[in-house]
Amino acid sequence: MTYKLIIRKDDEMGKWELAVFDSENIEDKSYEECMAVSFELMFMDRVWGKRLKIIDNNKDISEMNEGS
């Protein structure tokens, strides 16, 4: 199974979008790879952990943004 890392934008809308790290979209990755990037974003780039989620790659992000 593959996963993707999503990040909630730090603005007034707060929409979820696919995370980009080192110019690469973080999708179709293993859970461990997504966790490694999540760790890097939190501890090296100071991204607040509640703004990150690892979800099944088949999940449609637009469903999470409805009503935002």
C-alpha atoms as a PDB file:
ATOM      1  CA  MET A   1       0.000   0.000   0.000  1.00  0.00           C
ATOM      2  CA  THR A   2       1.205   3.503  -0.755  1.00  0.00           C
ATOM      3  CA  TYR A   3       0.631   6.701   1.130  1.00  0.00           C
ATOM      4  CA  LYS A   4       0.918  10.431   0.646  1.00  0.00           C
ATOM      5  CA  LEU A   5       1.868  13.205   2.993  1.00  0.00           C
ATOM      6  CA  ILE A   6      -0.426  16.198   3.016  1.00  0.00           C
ATOM      7  CA  ILE A   7       0.038  19.555   4.658  1.00  0.00           C
ATOM      8  CA  ARG A   8      -2.541  22.109   5.752  1.00  0.00           C
ATOM      9  CA  LYS A   9      -1.752  25.510   4.276  1.00  0.00           C
ATOM     10  CA  ASP A  10      -0.819  28.121   6.841  1.00  0.00           C
ATOM     11  CA  ASP A  11      -3.326  30.744   5.702  1.00  0.00           C
ATOM     12  CA  GLU A  12      -6.902  31.800   6.408  1.00  0.00           C
ATOM     13  CA  MET A  13      -8.365  29.012   4.220  1.00  0.00           C
ATOM     14  CA  GLY A  14      -6.397  26.149   5.789  1.00  0.00           C
ATOM     15  CA  LYS A  15      -6.809  23.784   2.829  1.00  0.00           C
ATOM     16  CA  TRP A  16      -4.994  20.454   2.651  1.00  0.00           C
ATOM     17  CA  GLU A  17      -2.579  19.959  -0.225  1.00  0.00           C
ATOM     18  CA  LEU A  18       0.034  17.443  -1.257  1.00  0.00           C
ATOM     19  CA  ALA A  19       3.303  18.095   0.543  1.00  0.00           C
ATOM     20  CA  VAL A  20       6.363  18.940  -1.525  1.00  0.00           C
ATOM     21  CA  PHE A  21       9.809  18.208  -0.168  1.00  0.00           C
ATOM     22  CA  ASP A  22      13.065  18.712  -2.040  1.00  0.00           C
ATOM     23  CA  SER A  23      11.002  19.585  -5.168  1.00  0.00           C
ATOM     24  CA  GLU A  24       9.248  16.201  -5.073  1.00  0.00           C
ATOM     25  CA  ASN A  25       5.566  15.504  -4.405  1.00  0.00           C
ATOM     26  CA  ILE A  26       5.317  13.135  -1.460  1.00  0.00           C
ATOM     27  CA  GLU A  27       2.901  10.531  -2.822  1.00  0.00           C
ATOM     28  CA  ASP A  28       3.125   6.881  -3.806  1.00  0.00           C
ATOM     29  CA  LYS A  29       5.554   6.358  -0.939  1.00  0.00           C
ATOM     30  CA  SER A  30       5.744   3.830   1.867  1.00  0.00           C
ATOM     31  CA  TYR A  31       4.506   4.822   5.308  1.00  0.00           C
ATOM     32  CA  GLU A  32       8.113   4.890   6.533  1.00  0.00           C
ATOM     33  CA  GLU A  33       9.174   7.281   3.765  1.00  0.00           C
ATOM     34  CA  CYS A  34       6.271   9.607   4.558  1.00  0.00           C
ATOM     35  CA  MET A  35       7.147   9.495   8.263  1.00  0.00           C
ATOM     36  CA  ALA A  36      10.771  10.374   7.506  1.00  0.00           C
ATOM     37  CA  VAL A  37       9.693  13.436   5.502  1.00  0.00           C
ATOM     38  CA  SER A  38       7.150  14.393   8.177  1.00  0.00           C
ATOM     39  CA  PHE A  39       9.896  14.186  10.819  1.00  0.00           C
ATOM     40  CA  GLU A  40      12.202  16.312   8.679  1.00  0.00           C
ATOM     41  CA  LEU A  41       9.515  18.960   8.139  1.00  0.00           C
ATOM     42  CA  MET A  42       8.655  19.131  11.853  1.00  0.00           C
ATOM     43  CA  PHE A  43      12.138  19.161  13.322  1.00  0.00           C
ATOM     44  CA  MET A  44      14.235  20.792  10.640  1.00  0.00           C
ATOM     45  CA  ASP A  45      11.750  23.145   8.995  1.00  0.00           C
ATOM     46  CA  ARG A  46       9.626  23.819  12.102  1.00  0.00           C
ATOM     47  CA  VAL A  47       6.293  22.836  10.530  1.00  0.00           C
ATOM     48  CA  TRP A  48       3.698  22.354  13.248  1.00  0.00           C
ATOM     49  CA  GLY A  49       2.828  18.645  13.479  1.00  0.00           C
ATOM     50  CA  LYS A  50      -0.944  19.209  13.424  1.00  0.00           C
ATOM     51  CA  ARG A  51      -0.549  20.604   9.908  1.00  0.00           C
ATOM     52  CA  LEU A  52       0.711  17.249   8.584  1.00  0.00           C
ATOM     53  CA  LYS A  53      -1.163  14.017   7.825  1.00  0.00           C
ATOM     54  CA  ILE A  54      -0.215  10.727   6.235  1.00  0.00           C
ATOM     55  CA  ILE A  55      -3.150   9.236   4.338  1.00  0.00           C
ATOM     56  CA  ASP A  56      -3.808   6.349   1.975  1.00  0.00           C
ATOM     57  CA  ASN A  57      -2.758   7.412  -1.500  1.00  0.00           C
ATOM     58  CA  ASN A  58      -6.230   6.544  -2.840  1.00  0.00           C
ATOM     59  CA  LYS A  59      -7.931   9.138  -0.624  1.00  0.00           C
ATOM     60  CA  ASP A  60      -9.113  12.236  -2.458  1.00  0.00           C
ATOM     61  CA  ILE A  61      -7.822  15.372  -0.695  1.00  0.00           C
ATOM     62  CA  SER A  62     -10.637  17.491  -2.136  1.00  0.00           C
ATOM     63  CA  GLU A  63     -13.093  15.625   0.120  1.00  0.00           C
ATOM     64  CA  MET A  64     -11.168  16.896   3.133  1.00  0.00           C
ATOM     65  CA  ASN A  65     -11.373  20.479   1.878  1.00  0.00           C
ATOM     66  CA  GLU A  66     -15.125  20.584   1.367  1.00  0.00           C
ATOM     67  CA  GLY A  67     -16.701  23.297   3.480  1.00  0.00           C
ATOM     68  CA  SER A  68     -13.373  24.934   4.288  1.00  0.00           C
END
